Amino acid sequence: MLNHPLDEIKFRNSEYDNQDDICEFQANIFARDLLAPACVLKELRITTVEQIMKLCNISRVSAELRLKRMHELYKRRAFYTSPLERAVLKQFQPFIDTYWQQQK
C-alpha cells in the first residue's frame, strides 16, 4: 500500500501521523491530491474535515491537509487554473451530477 511496510498499514486511516517522517508526509500529500481532488470538493461544496473524511474515506490528517490547501486556493482564486485540474473535474462530472441529484 503506497510503499508502506505491511506493519504500518494499520495506521493509514487512523489519527496516527508523524510529520517528521518525510515518507509519511509525502504519503499524506499523495492521498490528499489523489483521493480528494480540490476542484471536486469545491463543486460539492464540501467545507469541513469531517465531510472530506467521510466522502473520500481518508484519514483526518489527509483531510486536514486538503482543507488547508483548499483555503489557500480560495484565497488566491486559484481553482480551475491548470489543464490537469480541469481534466479531473471533467472526469468527475458524472459523480458530481449524481451527488447533487441525491441531495434533492
Protein backbone atom coordinates (compact mmCIF):
# COMPACT_ATOMS: atom_id res chain seq x y z
CA MET A 1 0.00 0.00 0.00
CA LEU A 2 1.72 3.14 -1.24
CA ASN A 3 5.13 1.72 -0.42
CA HIS A 4 4.36 1.33 3.30
CA PRO A 5 5.62 -1.73 5.16
CA LEU A 6 2.76 -4.08 6.00
CA ASP A 7 3.01 -3.45 9.74
CA GLU A 8 2.31 0.27 9.13
CA ILE A 9 -0.84 -0.19 7.05
CA LYS A 10 -3.00 -0.41 10.16
CA PHE A 11 -2.35 3.30 10.75
CA ARG A 12 -3.45 4.60 7.34
CA ASN A 13 -6.96 5.67 8.36
CA SER A 14 -6.31 6.46 11.99
CA GLU A 15 -5.32 9.52 13.95
CA TYR A 16 -1.68 8.38 13.76
CA ASP A 17 0.64 10.72 11.98
CA ASN A 18 4.28 11.61 12.14
CA GLN A 19 5.01 14.68 10.05
CA ASP A 20 8.69 14.34 10.99
CA ASP A 21 8.81 11.27 8.76
CA ILE A 22 9.12 12.68 5.23
CA CYS A 23 7.74 9.50 3.65
CA GLU A 24 4.62 9.68 5.80
CA PHE A 25 4.20 13.36 4.99
CA GLN A 26 4.52 12.65 1.26
CA ALA A 27 2.00 9.81 1.53
CA ASN A 28 -0.47 12.19 3.18
CA ILE A 29 0.01 14.73 0.38
CA PHE A 30 -0.44 11.98 -2.22
CA ALA A 31 -3.66 10.83 -0.52
CA ARG A 32 -4.87 14.42 -0.37
CA ASP A 33 -4.29 15.03 -4.06
CA LEU A 34 -5.39 11.66 -5.44
CA LEU A 35 -8.30 10.77 -3.20
CA ALA A 36 -9.71 14.24 -2.51
CA PRO A 37 -9.35 16.49 -5.57
CA ALA A 38 -9.91 20.09 -4.52
CA CYS A 39 -11.89 21.00 -7.63
CA VAL A 40 -14.36 18.17 -6.98
CA LEU A 41 -14.78 19.09 -3.32
CA LYS A 42 -15.38 22.70 -4.34
CA GLU A 43 -18.13 21.65 -6.76
CA LEU A 44 -19.71 19.53 -4.00
CA ARG A 45 -19.47 22.45 -1.54
CA ILE A 46 -17.58 20.30 0.95
CA THR A 47 -16.27 22.58 3.70
CA THR A 48 -15.27 20.53 6.76
CA VAL A 49 -12.64 17.99 7.67
CA GLU A 50 -15.36 15.54 8.67
CA GLN A 51 -17.14 15.86 5.31
CA ILE A 52 -13.87 15.26 3.46
CA MET A 53 -13.05 12.23 5.63
CA LYS A 54 -16.47 10.69 5.04
CA LEU A 55 -16.78 11.40 1.33
CA CYS A 56 -13.20 10.47 0.39
CA ASN A 57 -12.56 7.79 3.03
CA ILE A 58 -9.24 9.33 4.04
CA SER A 59 -7.54 9.93 7.37
CA ARG A 60 -8.12 13.03 9.45
CA VAL A 61 -4.59 14.23 8.70
CA SER A 62 -5.08 13.93 4.94
CA ALA A 63 -8.47 15.66 5.19
CA GLU A 64 -6.94 18.48 7.26
CA LEU A 65 -4.21 18.90 4.65
CA ARG A 66 -6.83 19.04 1.89
CA LEU A 67 -8.95 21.61 3.70
CA LYS A 68 -5.92 23.77 4.47
CA ARG A 69 -4.92 23.67 0.80
CA MET A 70 -8.46 24.49 -0.29
CA HIS A 71 -8.45 27.59 1.90
CA GLU A 72 -5.24 28.68 0.14
CA LEU A 73 -6.83 28.07 -3.27
CA TYR A 74 -9.93 30.09 -2.31
CA LYS A 75 -7.75 33.00 -1.09
CA ARG A 76 -5.78 33.04 -4.33
CA ARG A 77 -8.84 32.32 -6.50
CA ALA A 78 -6.76 29.54 -7.98
CA PHE A 79 -9.33 26.87 -8.82
CA TYR A 80 -9.50 25.53 -12.39
CA THR A 81 -6.24 27.17 -13.43
CA SER A 82 -4.41 24.07 -14.65
CA PRO A 83 -5.39 21.85 -17.57
CA LEU A 84 -4.96 18.79 -15.34
CA GLU A 85 -7.41 20.16 -12.78
CA ARG A 86 -9.95 20.87 -15.50
CA ALA A 87 -9.50 17.32 -16.83
CA VAL A 88 -10.04 15.87 -13.34
CA LEU A 89 -13.20 17.92 -12.98
CA LYS A 90 -14.47 16.66 -16.33
CA GLN A 91 -13.79 13.06 -15.29
CA PHE A 92 -15.72 13.57 -12.04
CA GLN A 93 -18.66 15.43 -13.58
CA PRO A 94 -20.96 12.36 -13.66
CA PHE A 95 -20.20 11.76 -9.96
CA ILE A 96 -20.87 15.42 -9.14
CA ASP A 97 -24.16 15.36 -11.05
CA THR A 98 -25.27 12.18 -9.26
CA TYR A 99 -24.27 13.63 -5.89
CA TRP A 100 -26.46 16.70 -6.43
CA GLN A 101 -29.37 14.60 -7.72
CA GLN A 102 -29.23 12.58 -4.49
CA GLN A 103 -29.19 15.76 -2.38
CA LYS A 104 -32.58 16.90 -3.72
